[in-house]
Amino acid sequence: MTDTPTATRHATALPHPKALATLAPKKLLIDGRWVAPSSGKTFESINPATGEVLAHIAEANDADVDAAVTAARRAFDGVWSKTKPAERQRLLLKLADLIERDYDEFAMLDTLEMGMPISRSTAGKQRVAGMVRFYAGLATAIHGQNISNSIPGSVLSYTVKEPVGVVGAIVPWNGPLSQAVWKVAPALATGCTVVLKPSEQASLSPLKLAELIEEAGFPPGVMNVVTGAGAVGAAVAAHPGIDKVGFTGSTATGQAIVRASAGNLKRLSLELGGKSPDIIFADADLDAAVAGAAAAVFTNCGQICIAGSRLFVERKIHDEFVHRVAELAAKMRIGSPLDHATELGPLASRLQFDRVMSYINAGHEEGAQALAGGARADTGNLANGCYVQPTVFAGARDDMKIVREEIFGPVISAMPFDSVEEVVQRANNTPYGLGSGVWTRDVSKAHLVAGALKAGTVWVNCYLQLDAAIPFGGYKMSGYGRESGTEHMDHYLQTKSVVLKLA
């Protein structure tokens, strides 16, 4: 067994003063005004690296959700759905510029609130601003079709694309800013209005995003934010005044949203859980594959829905390859997320820490061998933080809990395979189907396996590569609908057919 990693001892950097200034008590955004919750209640935002309270955030209730939906409906029926595409585009481009201007503050907020290493949070500027600009470009490309028909006589038929209405956007904590933008930008581009519900574990950067949407000049009520725990999200999902819900999160919560949507048959797009296979063939570039297999799980401390946590390695290279991944894991720097040298920060909350540790303990109990990690991280002066060692289990089996269930932490389960047919069958033997990886120099094999995998995305000789133009979403229990790409816009649009008898 390799040595387990120890904490870095670098001095912790101070937060940017501008970010500190934003940590005053947070309110709700309803109809263009920042208001206190009707109950007067707040909840604490906790720094997972230190256990310290960062901010007190408004806790909305059903009355606040109702007020936000009413404001969004008024804005939609009033000015926003009638706003010209070029004007929506102009406002979104302004928003992208403002995000770039304040991106250091966004990065600091995500680092402070959910433990994302500052080196990772600061690296997301191009992706986040780029997403806004991508949807801004599509705002002026919405169009219907002129349709040839077989109706007797002279009949003109065509379709018109119209915004679906009020959108409830419910976003998770593992990428607070990017996930909020991923829901909000296409909704605004199509002429919809939004009620955003951030995760209670990471509300600060979505609230900051709402401030910039106001600054950009969007009309009051177009963007509304209600913060709080799961009951607030449930109220959004069930509200009869919301026409569409976009949700990213757990499969169990997604199922609850499906049930809640039945009241008014609201549209849904759901990006849910994953247990993605990462398949390494013996003919792969092993240096690249080792680094890729580690990054596929340890990025963001494993708190990514597309983590390649089921590592299938062709038997002839299995032992060497898995030991190399374990050696890389053992050398990773664990420490303060404010330290630019940190590679693994804390898990986002005590609840998530306890969950991941329960899975690691289950791996030990079921007989898997931890070649690296397998315990809480020794973080010295950060002992109150939610730190877990990056863990590589060998000797895993398909029926183990750590292989079957989504862990959402830095845990790899490695298993050997002997043939293409075998590994495809085992890779698909999961209720999930979000991401997957294939590493091989054989182009024919790459296409064959990519075609056979039941997953929304297949990365070949890479992993975690995302782009605003490439559709993203899941098969099976990983949800339905697609985000990114031109088809993302369709989730926020209705198609109206017009049939006109000319003579």
Protein backbone atom coordinates (compact mmCIF):
# COMPACT_ATOMS: atom_id res chain seq x y z
CA MET A 1 0.00 0.00 0.00
CA THR A 2 1.27 3.46 -0.83
CA ASP A 3 1.73 6.14 1.77
CA THR A 4 -1.35 8.24 2.42
CA PRO A 5 -1.23 11.94 1.57
CA THR A 6 -0.73 14.60 4.20
CA ALA A 7 -1.97 18.16 4.27
CA THR A 8 -0.09 20.97 2.66
CA ARG A 9 1.36 23.50 5.08
CA HIS A 10 1.32 26.55 2.86
CA ALA A 11 0.09 29.80 4.33
CA THR A 12 -3.59 30.38 3.67
CA ALA A 13 -4.25 33.29 1.35
CA LEU A 14 -6.61 36.02 2.47
CA PRO A 15 -9.93 36.39 0.69
CA HIS A 16 -10.23 39.31 -1.71
CA PRO A 17 -11.56 42.32 0.24
CA LYS A 18 -14.36 42.78 -2.30
CA ALA A 19 -15.55 39.23 -1.65
CA LEU A 20 -15.53 39.81 2.10
CA ALA A 21 -17.74 42.83 1.61
CA THR A 22 -20.41 40.67 -0.01
CA LEU A 23 -20.79 38.41 3.02
CA ALA A 24 -23.39 40.63 4.65
CA PRO A 25 -26.83 39.10 5.34
CA LYS A 26 -28.44 38.03 2.07
CA LYS A 27 -32.01 38.74 0.99
CA LEU A 28 -34.40 37.43 -1.65
CA LEU A 29 -34.69 39.01 -5.09
CA ILE A 30 -38.37 39.43 -5.97
CA ASP A 31 -39.70 41.76 -8.66
CA GLY A 32 -36.49 43.78 -8.87
CA ARG A 33 -36.20 44.37 -5.12
CA TRP A 34 -34.01 42.72 -2.49
CA VAL A 35 -36.41 41.84 0.32
CA ALA A 36 -36.30 40.05 3.65
CA PRO A 37 -38.06 36.67 3.82
CA SER A 38 -41.63 36.91 5.02
CA SER A 39 -40.83 34.61 7.95
CA GLY A 40 -37.81 36.67 9.01
CA LYS A 41 -35.75 33.46 9.17
CA THR A 42 -32.21 32.96 7.89
CA PHE A 43 -29.81 30.04 7.63
CA GLU A 44 -26.04 29.87 7.87
CA SER A 45 -23.60 29.43 5.02
CA ILE A 46 -20.67 27.41 6.34
CA ASN A 47 -17.08 27.38 5.08
CA PRO A 48 -16.35 23.62 4.71
CA ALA A 49 -12.59 24.19 5.04
CA THR A 50 -12.85 25.73 8.52
CA GLY A 51 -16.36 25.17 9.82
CA GLU A 52 -16.80 28.94 10.18
CA VAL A 53 -19.98 30.83 9.32
CA LEU A 54 -19.61 32.83 6.12
CA ALA A 55 -22.98 34.53 5.88
CA HIS A 56 -26.60 34.46 6.95
CA ILE A 57 -28.96 33.89 4.03
CA ALA A 58 -32.69 34.48 3.77
CA GLU A 59 -34.84 31.40 4.20
CA ALA A 60 -37.81 31.65 1.86
CA ASN A 61 -41.16 29.98 2.43
CA ASP A 62 -44.18 29.20 0.27
CA ALA A 63 -45.39 32.80 0.42
CA ASP A 64 -42.05 34.07 -0.86
CA VAL A 65 -42.04 31.52 -3.69
CA ASP A 66 -45.57 32.57 -4.62
CA ALA A 67 -44.51 36.24 -4.68
CA ALA A 68 -41.51 35.41 -6.88
CA VAL A 69 -43.65 33.40 -9.31
CA THR A 70 -46.24 36.19 -9.46
CA ALA A 71 -43.50 38.70 -10.26
CA ALA A 72 -42.03 36.43 -12.93
CA ARG A 73 -45.45 35.93 -14.52
CA ARG A 74 -46.13 39.68 -14.54
CA ALA A 75 -42.77 40.33 -16.20
CA PHE A 76 -43.34 37.58 -18.74
CA ASP A 77 -46.86 38.68 -19.67
CA GLY A 78 -45.72 42.30 -19.68
CA VAL A 79 -42.49 43.40 -21.28
CA TRP A 80 -40.13 40.43 -21.44
CA SER A 81 -41.80 37.93 -23.77
CA LYS A 82 -42.34 40.82 -26.20
CA THR A 83 -38.75 42.05 -26.04
CA LYS A 84 -36.99 41.76 -29.40
CA PRO A 85 -34.33 39.07 -29.78
CA ALA A 86 -31.62 41.64 -30.44
CA GLU A 87 -32.38 43.36 -27.13
CA ARG A 88 -32.26 40.07 -25.22
CA GLN A 89 -28.95 39.39 -26.93
CA ARG A 90 -27.59 42.82 -25.98
CA LEU A 91 -28.47 42.34 -22.32
CA LEU A 92 -26.92 38.87 -22.21
CA LEU A 93 -23.72 40.12 -23.80
CA LYS A 94 -23.62 42.88 -21.20
CA LEU A 95 -24.08 40.25 -18.50
CA ALA A 96 -21.16 38.24 -19.90
CA ASP A 97 -18.95 41.32 -19.70
CA LEU A 98 -19.99 41.93 -16.10
CA ILE A 99 -19.27 38.31 -15.17
CA GLU A 100 -15.78 38.67 -16.62
CA ARG A 101 -15.30 41.92 -14.73
CA ASP A 102 -16.25 40.37 -11.38
CA TYR A 103 -15.06 36.83 -11.99
CA ASP A 104 -12.38 36.89 -9.30
CA GLU A 105 -15.11 37.59 -6.77
CA PHE A 106 -17.25 34.73 -8.10
CA ALA A 107 -14.27 32.39 -7.85
CA MET A 108 -13.60 33.43 -4.28
CA LEU A 109 -17.23 32.94 -3.28
CA ASP A 110 -17.33 29.40 -4.68
CA THR A 111 -14.02 28.61 -3.00
CA LEU A 112 -15.15 29.94 0.36
CA GLU A 113 -18.60 28.42 0.32
CA MET A 114 -18.18 24.94 -1.15
CA GLY A 115 -14.44 24.35 -0.92
CA MET A 116 -13.58 24.38 -4.63
CA PRO A 117 -9.79 24.92 -4.88
CA ILE A 118 -9.07 28.47 -5.98
CA SER A 119 -6.95 27.18 -8.85
CA ARG A 120 -10.05 25.46 -10.24
CA SER A 121 -12.61 28.16 -9.48
CA THR A 122 -10.49 30.88 -11.12
CA ALA A 123 -10.02 28.71 -14.22
CA GLY A 124 -13.73 28.73 -15.09
CA LYS A 125 -14.02 32.30 -16.40
CA GLN A 126 -13.95 31.43 -20.08
CA ARG A 127 -16.47 28.61 -19.72
CA VAL A 128 -18.99 30.64 -17.70
CA ALA A 129 -18.78 33.87 -19.74
CA GLY A 130 -18.63 31.77 -22.91
CA MET A 131 -21.89 30.01 -22.04
CA VAL A 132 -23.67 33.34 -21.66
CA ARG A 133 -22.32 34.53 -25.00
CA PHE A 134 -23.26 31.26 -26.68
CA TYR A 135 -26.90 31.61 -25.63
CA ALA A 136 -26.83 35.31 -26.49
CA GLY A 137 -25.89 34.28 -30.02
CA LEU A 138 -28.82 31.87 -30.19
CA ALA A 139 -31.29 34.52 -29.02
CA THR A 140 -31.45 35.94 -32.55
CA ALA A 141 -31.53 32.52 -34.24
CA ILE A 142 -34.94 31.34 -33.01
CA HIS A 143 -37.25 30.59 -35.92
CA GLY A 144 -40.09 28.37 -37.05
CA GLN A 145 -40.66 26.72 -40.42
CA ASN A 146 -42.75 27.23 -43.49
CA ILE A 147 -44.35 23.81 -44.04
CA SER A 148 -45.57 22.32 -47.29
CA ASN A 149 -48.88 20.57 -46.61
CA SER A 150 -51.31 18.30 -48.46
CA ILE A 151 -54.52 20.03 -47.39
CA PRO A 152 -56.87 20.58 -50.37
CA GLY A 153 -57.04 24.12 -51.65
CA SER A 154 -54.67 27.01 -51.06
CA VAL A 155 -53.53 26.68 -47.45
CA LEU A 156 -50.48 28.25 -45.86
CA SER A 157 -48.95 26.46 -42.86
CA TYR A 158 -46.03 27.47 -40.71
CA THR A 159 -44.72 27.19 -37.17
CA VAL A 160 -43.75 29.83 -34.64
CA LYS A 161 -41.40 29.35 -31.65
CA GLU A 162 -42.62 31.03 -28.47
CA PRO A 163 -41.13 31.15 -24.96
CA VAL A 164 -42.64 28.57 -22.63
CA GLY A 165 -43.23 31.07 -19.80
CA VAL A 166 -42.01 31.10 -16.20
CA VAL A 167 -39.06 28.80 -15.52
CA GLY A 168 -38.12 27.34 -12.14
CA ALA A 169 -34.36 26.75 -12.09
CA ILE A 170 -33.16 24.51 -9.26
CA VAL A 171 -29.38 24.18 -9.14
CA PRO A 172 -26.91 22.15 -7.03
CA TRP A 173 -23.95 23.11 -4.87
CA ASN A 174 -21.08 21.44 -6.72
CA GLY A 175 -20.72 24.20 -9.37
CA PRO A 176 -22.83 27.06 -8.05
CA LEU A 177 -22.08 29.73 -10.64
CA SER A 178 -21.74 27.59 -13.76
CA GLN A 179 -24.87 25.57 -12.93
CA ALA A 180 -26.91 28.73 -12.40
CA VAL A 181 -25.73 30.20 -15.69
CA TRP A 182 -26.48 26.90 -17.45
CA LYS A 183 -30.15 27.23 -16.46
CA VAL A 184 -30.68 30.99 -16.48
CA ALA A 185 -28.95 32.06 -19.72
CA PRO A 186 -30.98 29.94 -22.18
CA ALA A 187 -34.20 30.83 -20.37
CA LEU A 188 -33.50 34.55 -20.70
CA ALA A 189 -32.33 34.14 -24.30
CA THR A 190 -35.67 32.63 -25.33
CA GLY A 191 -37.79 35.26 -23.57
CA CYS A 192 -38.70 33.26 -20.47
CA THR A 193 -38.59 34.65 -16.94
CA VAL A 194 -36.88 32.83 -14.07
CA VAL A 195 -37.34 31.88 -10.44
CA LEU A 196 -33.92 30.59 -9.36
CA LYS A 197 -33.53 28.35 -6.33
CA PRO A 198 -29.84 27.81 -5.46
CA SER A 199 -28.62 25.07 -3.15
CA GLU A 200 -28.68 26.06 0.49
CA GLN A 201 -25.07 24.85 0.65
CA ALA A 202 -23.89 27.28 -2.04
CA SER A 203 -26.08 30.32 -2.57
CA LEU A 204 -23.56 33.16 -2.61
CA SER A 205 -22.39 33.13 -6.23
CA PRO A 206 -25.94 32.62 -7.65
CA LEU A 207 -27.03 35.64 -5.58
CA LYS A 208 -24.11 37.60 -6.98
CA LEU A 209 -25.16 36.52 -10.50
CA ALA A 210 -28.62 37.95 -9.83
CA GLU A 211 -27.04 41.26 -8.81
CA LEU A 212 -25.25 41.43 -12.15
CA ILE A 213 -28.41 40.55 -14.07
CA GLU A 214 -29.98 43.60 -12.43
CA GLU A 215 -26.94 45.71 -13.23
CA ALA A 216 -27.05 44.60 -16.87
CA GLY A 217 -30.50 46.17 -17.18
CA PHE A 218 -32.92 43.24 -17.30
CA PRO A 219 -36.43 44.42 -16.36
CA PRO A 220 -37.74 43.81 -12.80
CA GLY A 221 -39.25 40.37 -12.30
CA VAL A 222 -37.38 38.75 -15.18
CA MET A 223 -34.95 37.25 -12.66
CA ASN A 224 -36.04 36.27 -9.13
CA VAL A 225 -34.12 34.32 -6.49
CA VAL A 226 -35.54 32.38 -3.54
CA THR A 227 -33.03 30.75 -1.19
CA GLY A 228 -33.49 28.00 1.36
CA ALA A 229 -33.52 24.25 1.84
CA GLY A 230 -35.36 21.47 0.04
CA ALA A 231 -38.82 22.72 0.97
CA VAL A 232 -38.23 25.83 -1.15
CA GLY A 233 -37.24 23.73 -4.16
CA ALA A 234 -40.32 21.55 -3.61
CA ALA A 235 -42.52 24.66 -3.59
CA VAL A 236 -40.98 25.80 -6.88
CA ALA A 237 -41.41 22.36 -8.45
CA ALA A 238 -45.08 22.12 -7.46
CA HIS A 239 -46.14 25.72 -8.08
CA PRO A 240 -48.96 25.91 -10.64
CA GLY A 241 -47.64 29.23 -11.95
CA ILE A 242 -44.36 27.72 -13.16
CA ASP A 243 -44.40 26.33 -16.69
CA LYS A 244 -41.05 24.55 -16.80
CA VAL A 245 -38.50 23.30 -14.26
CA GLY A 246 -34.83 22.78 -15.04
CA PHE A 247 -33.13 20.73 -12.34
CA THR A 248 -29.67 19.35 -11.69
CA GLY A 249 -29.18 17.12 -8.66
CA SER A 250 -29.81 13.67 -7.27
CA THR A 251 -31.98 11.09 -8.99
CA ALA A 252 -34.19 10.78 -5.89
CA THR A 253 -34.93 14.51 -5.89
CA GLY A 254 -35.49 14.40 -9.65
CA GLN A 255 -38.11 11.72 -9.16
CA ALA A 256 -39.82 13.88 -6.54
CA ILE A 257 -39.86 16.78 -9.03
CA VAL A 258 -41.47 14.54 -11.65
CA ARG A 259 -44.24 13.73 -9.20
CA ALA A 260 -44.64 17.39 -8.18
CA SER A 261 -44.88 18.48 -11.82
CA ALA A 262 -48.06 16.50 -12.41
CA GLY A 263 -50.32 19.28 -11.07
CA ASN A 264 -50.02 21.42 -14.18
CA LEU A 265 -47.97 19.02 -16.34
CA LYS A 266 -45.05 21.43 -16.35
CA ARG A 267 -42.16 20.73 -18.67
CA LEU A 268 -39.06 19.20 -17.13
CA SER A 269 -35.40 18.83 -18.00
CA LEU A 270 -33.50 16.76 -15.47
CA GLU A 271 -29.75 16.20 -15.17
CA LEU A 272 -29.44 13.63 -12.42
CA GLY A 273 -26.99 11.17 -10.90
CA GLY A 274 -24.27 9.13 -12.53
CA LYS A 275 -21.95 6.20 -11.98
CA SER A 276 -19.82 6.54 -15.05
CA PRO A 277 -17.47 3.88 -16.45
CA ASP A 278 -13.95 4.82 -17.52
CA ILE A 279 -12.51 2.06 -19.73
CA ILE A 280 -8.76 1.65 -20.25
CA PHE A 281 -7.58 -0.68 -23.00
CA ALA A 282 -4.03 -2.05 -23.04
CA ASP A 283 -3.19 -0.22 -26.27
CA ALA A 284 -3.99 3.22 -24.78
CA ASP A 285 -1.47 5.98 -24.17
CA LEU A 286 -1.03 4.93 -20.55
CA ASP A 287 0.61 8.13 -19.34
CA ALA A 288 -2.34 10.16 -20.59
CA ALA A 289 -4.84 7.57 -19.35
CA VAL A 290 -3.41 7.52 -15.80
CA ALA A 291 -3.68 11.28 -15.53
CA GLY A 292 -7.10 11.22 -17.15
CA ALA A 293 -8.46 8.47 -14.91
CA ALA A 294 -7.37 10.40 -11.81
CA ALA A 295 -8.77 13.71 -13.05
CA ALA A 296 -12.05 11.99 -13.97
CA VAL A 297 -12.75 11.42 -10.28
CA PHE A 298 -10.55 13.71 -8.19
CA THR A 299 -11.50 16.94 -9.98
CA ASN A 300 -13.64 19.05 -7.62
CA CYS A 301 -12.93 16.41 -4.96
CA GLY A 302 -15.08 13.93 -6.86
CA GLN A 303 -18.17 16.10 -6.49
CA ILE A 304 -19.12 15.85 -10.16
CA CYS A 305 -22.04 13.91 -11.58
CA ILE A 306 -19.93 12.60 -14.47
CA ALA A 307 -17.08 11.27 -12.32
CA GLY A 308 -15.51 8.19 -13.95
CA SER A 309 -15.64 6.33 -10.66
CA ARG A 310 -15.93 2.81 -12.12
CA LEU A 311 -12.48 2.25 -13.56
CA PHE A 312 -12.34 -0.77 -15.89
CA VAL A 313 -8.77 -1.72 -16.88
CA GLU A 314 -7.81 -4.47 -19.34
CA ARG A 315 -6.41 -7.32 -17.27
CA LYS A 316 -2.93 -7.45 -18.83
CA ILE A 317 -2.18 -3.92 -17.61
CA HIS A 318 -4.56 -3.75 -14.66
CA ASP A 319 -2.17 -4.05 -11.73
CA GLU A 320 0.45 -1.67 -13.10
CA PHE A 321 -2.11 0.88 -14.22
CA VAL A 322 -4.10 0.95 -10.98
CA HIS A 323 -0.94 1.25 -8.90
CA ARG A 324 0.11 4.23 -11.02
CA VAL A 325 -3.25 5.91 -10.42
CA ALA A 326 -2.88 5.20 -6.71
CA GLU A 327 0.62 6.67 -6.65
CA LEU A 328 -0.69 9.82 -8.31
CA ALA A 329 -3.53 10.02 -5.77
CA ALA A 330 -1.12 9.65 -2.86
CA LYS A 331 0.91 12.63 -4.07
CA MET A 332 -2.01 15.02 -4.47
CA ARG A 333 -1.88 18.13 -2.33
CA ILE A 334 -4.71 18.39 0.18
CA GLY A 335 -5.20 21.67 1.98
CA SER A 336 -6.87 25.04 2.14
CA PRO A 337 -8.87 25.76 -1.01
CA LEU A 338 -7.48 29.30 -0.86
CA ASP A 339 -3.97 27.96 -1.48
CA HIS A 340 -3.16 27.92 -5.21
CA ALA A 341 -1.03 24.79 -4.66
CA THR A 342 -4.01 22.79 -3.34
CA GLU A 343 -5.31 20.06 -5.63
CA LEU A 344 -7.99 18.66 -3.30
CA GLY A 345 -9.97 20.91 -1.02
CA PRO A 346 -12.67 19.86 1.43
CA LEU A 347 -15.95 18.24 0.58
CA ALA A 348 -18.70 20.82 0.41
CA SER A 349 -20.37 20.11 3.75
CA ARG A 350 -20.30 17.95 6.87
CA LEU A 351 -23.27 16.04 5.47
CA GLN A 352 -21.33 15.22 2.30
CA PHE A 353 -18.23 14.30 4.31
CA ASP A 354 -20.23 11.81 6.40
CA ARG A 355 -21.80 10.34 3.27
CA VAL A 356 -18.48 9.80 1.50
CA MET A 357 -16.85 8.33 4.60
CA SER A 358 -19.74 5.87 4.93
CA TYR A 359 -19.02 4.64 1.39
CA ILE A 360 -15.30 4.35 2.08
CA ASN A 361 -16.07 2.31 5.19
CA ALA A 362 -18.42 0.12 3.14
CA GLY A 363 -15.61 -0.49 0.65
CA HIS A 364 -13.33 -1.71 3.42
CA GLU A 365 -16.07 -3.88 4.90
CA GLU A 366 -16.88 -5.52 1.55
CA GLY A 367 -13.27 -6.47 0.98
CA ALA A 368 -11.92 -3.88 -1.44
CA GLN A 369 -8.27 -2.90 -0.95
CA ALA A 370 -7.41 0.79 -0.62
CA LEU A 371 -4.18 1.25 -2.58
CA ALA A 372 -4.34 4.95 -1.73
CA GLY A 373 -6.40 6.90 0.76
CA GLY A 374 -9.31 5.17 2.40
CA ALA A 375 -9.57 7.51 5.38
CA ARG A 376 -10.16 11.04 6.53
CA ALA A 377 -7.33 13.36 5.52
CA ASP A 378 -4.89 14.66 8.12
CA THR A 379 -5.32 18.39 7.65
CA GLY A 380 -3.43 19.74 10.64
CA ASN A 381 -4.63 23.26 11.35
CA LEU A 382 -7.68 22.60 9.16
CA ALA A 383 -8.91 19.81 11.41
CA ASN A 384 -12.43 21.23 11.45
CA GLY A 385 -12.65 20.93 7.68
CA CYS A 386 -14.45 18.24 5.68
CA TYR A 387 -11.35 16.61 4.15
CA VAL A 388 -11.15 13.09 2.70
CA GLN A 389 -8.11 11.41 1.17
CA PRO A 390 -8.31 10.64 -2.56
CA THR A 391 -9.03 6.93 -2.51
CA VAL A 392 -8.28 4.18 -5.02
CA PHE A 393 -9.89 0.81 -4.29
CA ALA A 394 -8.58 -2.30 -6.04
CA GLY A 395 -10.26 -5.68 -5.85
CA ALA A 396 -13.68 -4.11 -6.35
CA ARG A 397 -16.59 -6.13 -7.70
CA ASP A 398 -19.64 -5.13 -9.69
CA ASP A 399 -21.97 -6.02 -6.80
CA MET A 400 -20.21 -3.84 -4.21
CA LYS A 401 -21.95 -0.76 -2.85
CA ILE A 402 -19.02 1.47 -3.86
CA VAL A 403 -19.41 0.25 -7.46
CA ARG A 404 -23.20 0.37 -7.69
CA GLU A 405 -24.04 3.66 -5.98
CA GLU A 406 -23.05 7.27 -6.68
CA ILE A 407 -20.59 8.41 -4.01
CA PHE A 408 -19.99 12.01 -5.09
CA GLY A 409 -16.54 12.04 -3.56
CA PRO A 410 -12.89 11.26 -4.43
CA VAL A 411 -13.26 7.47 -4.62
CA ILE A 412 -12.23 5.21 -7.53
CA SER A 413 -13.26 1.54 -7.75
CA ALA A 414 -10.92 -0.34 -10.12
CA MET A 415 -11.76 -3.66 -11.78
CA PRO A 416 -10.13 -5.80 -14.51
CA PHE A 417 -11.79 -6.95 -17.75
CA ASP A 418 -10.82 -9.34 -20.55
CA SER A 419 -12.78 -8.43 -23.69
CA VAL A 420 -14.68 -5.65 -25.41
CA GLU A 421 -17.96 -7.52 -25.13
CA GLU A 422 -17.49 -8.09 -21.41
CA VAL A 423 -16.57 -4.54 -20.52
CA VAL A 424 -19.41 -3.02 -22.54
CA GLN A 425 -21.92 -5.28 -20.78
CA ARG A 426 -20.52 -4.43 -17.35
CA ALA A 427 -20.21 -0.73 -18.11
CA ASN A 428 -23.89 -0.62 -19.11
CA ASN A 429 -24.98 -2.64 -16.08
CA THR A 430 -26.06 0.39 -14.09
CA PRO A 431 -29.28 2.38 -13.76
CA TYR A 432 -27.32 5.48 -14.75
CA GLY A 433 -26.08 6.71 -18.11
CA LEU A 434 -24.56 10.17 -17.92
CA GLY A 435 -20.87 10.06 -18.87
CA SER A 436 -18.28 7.48 -19.91
CA GLY A 437 -14.66 7.26 -21.01
CA VAL A 438 -12.75 5.10 -23.50
CA TRP A 439 -8.96 5.06 -23.80
CA THR A 440 -7.48 3.30 -26.84
CA ARG A 441 -5.29 4.00 -29.88
CA ASP A 442 -7.51 1.74 -32.03
CA VAL A 443 -9.95 3.99 -33.90
CA SER A 444 -12.26 1.12 -34.84
CA LYS A 445 -12.43 -0.05 -31.24
CA ALA A 446 -13.10 3.49 -30.06
CA HIS A 447 -16.08 3.86 -32.41
CA LEU A 448 -17.38 0.38 -31.59
CA VAL A 449 -17.33 0.93 -27.84
CA ALA A 450 -18.62 4.50 -28.05
CA GLY A 451 -21.59 3.26 -30.07
CA ALA A 452 -22.35 0.48 -27.59
CA LEU A 453 -22.19 2.50 -24.37
CA LYS A 454 -25.53 3.68 -23.00
CA ALA A 455 -24.50 7.14 -21.89
CA GLY A 456 -25.23 10.70 -22.93
CA THR A 457 -21.55 11.54 -23.42
CA VAL A 458 -18.62 9.31 -24.39
CA TRP A 459 -15.15 10.83 -24.10
CA VAL A 460 -12.44 9.08 -26.10
CA ASN A 461 -8.83 9.58 -24.96
CA CYS A 462 -9.97 12.45 -22.74
CA TYR A 463 -12.46 13.09 -19.96
CA LEU A 464 -14.52 15.99 -18.55
CA GLN A 465 -14.26 17.99 -21.77
CA LEU A 466 -17.34 20.23 -21.96
CA ASP A 467 -18.31 22.95 -24.40
CA ALA A 468 -21.37 25.17 -24.69
CA ALA A 469 -21.97 23.92 -28.24
CA ILE A 470 -21.96 20.19 -27.32
CA PRO A 471 -25.24 18.73 -25.94
CA PHE A 472 -24.98 17.26 -22.45
CA GLY A 473 -27.41 15.01 -20.60
CA GLY A 474 -28.21 11.48 -19.54
CA TYR A 475 -29.74 8.15 -20.42
CA LYS A 476 -31.87 6.06 -18.08
CA MET A 477 -31.96 7.27 -14.43
CA SER A 478 -29.50 10.05 -15.23
CA GLY A 479 -32.42 12.13 -16.45
CA TYR A 480 -33.78 13.50 -19.69
CA GLY A 481 -33.37 16.59 -21.78
CA ARG A 482 -30.13 18.16 -22.93
CA GLU A 483 -28.19 21.19 -21.80
CA SER A 484 -25.75 23.03 -24.06
CA GLY A 485 -25.97 22.92 -27.83
CA THR A 486 -28.76 24.38 -29.92
CA GLU A 487 -31.28 21.80 -28.70
CA HIS A 488 -30.99 23.19 -25.17
CA MET A 489 -33.03 26.17 -26.35
CA ASP A 490 -35.92 23.89 -27.36
CA HIS A 491 -36.64 23.13 -23.69
CA TYR A 492 -37.60 26.78 -23.19
CA LEU A 493 -39.70 27.14 -26.35
CA GLN A 494 -43.19 26.12 -27.43
CA THR A 495 -44.01 25.28 -31.06
CA LYS A 496 -47.21 26.83 -32.38
CA SER A 497 -48.63 25.70 -35.73
CA VAL A 498 -50.53 28.23 -37.83
CA VAL A 499 -52.78 26.96 -40.65
CA LEU A 500 -54.25 29.72 -42.85
CA LYS A 501 -56.72 29.08 -45.68
CA LEU A 502 -55.89 31.56 -48.43
CA ALA A 503 -58.77 30.84 -50.78
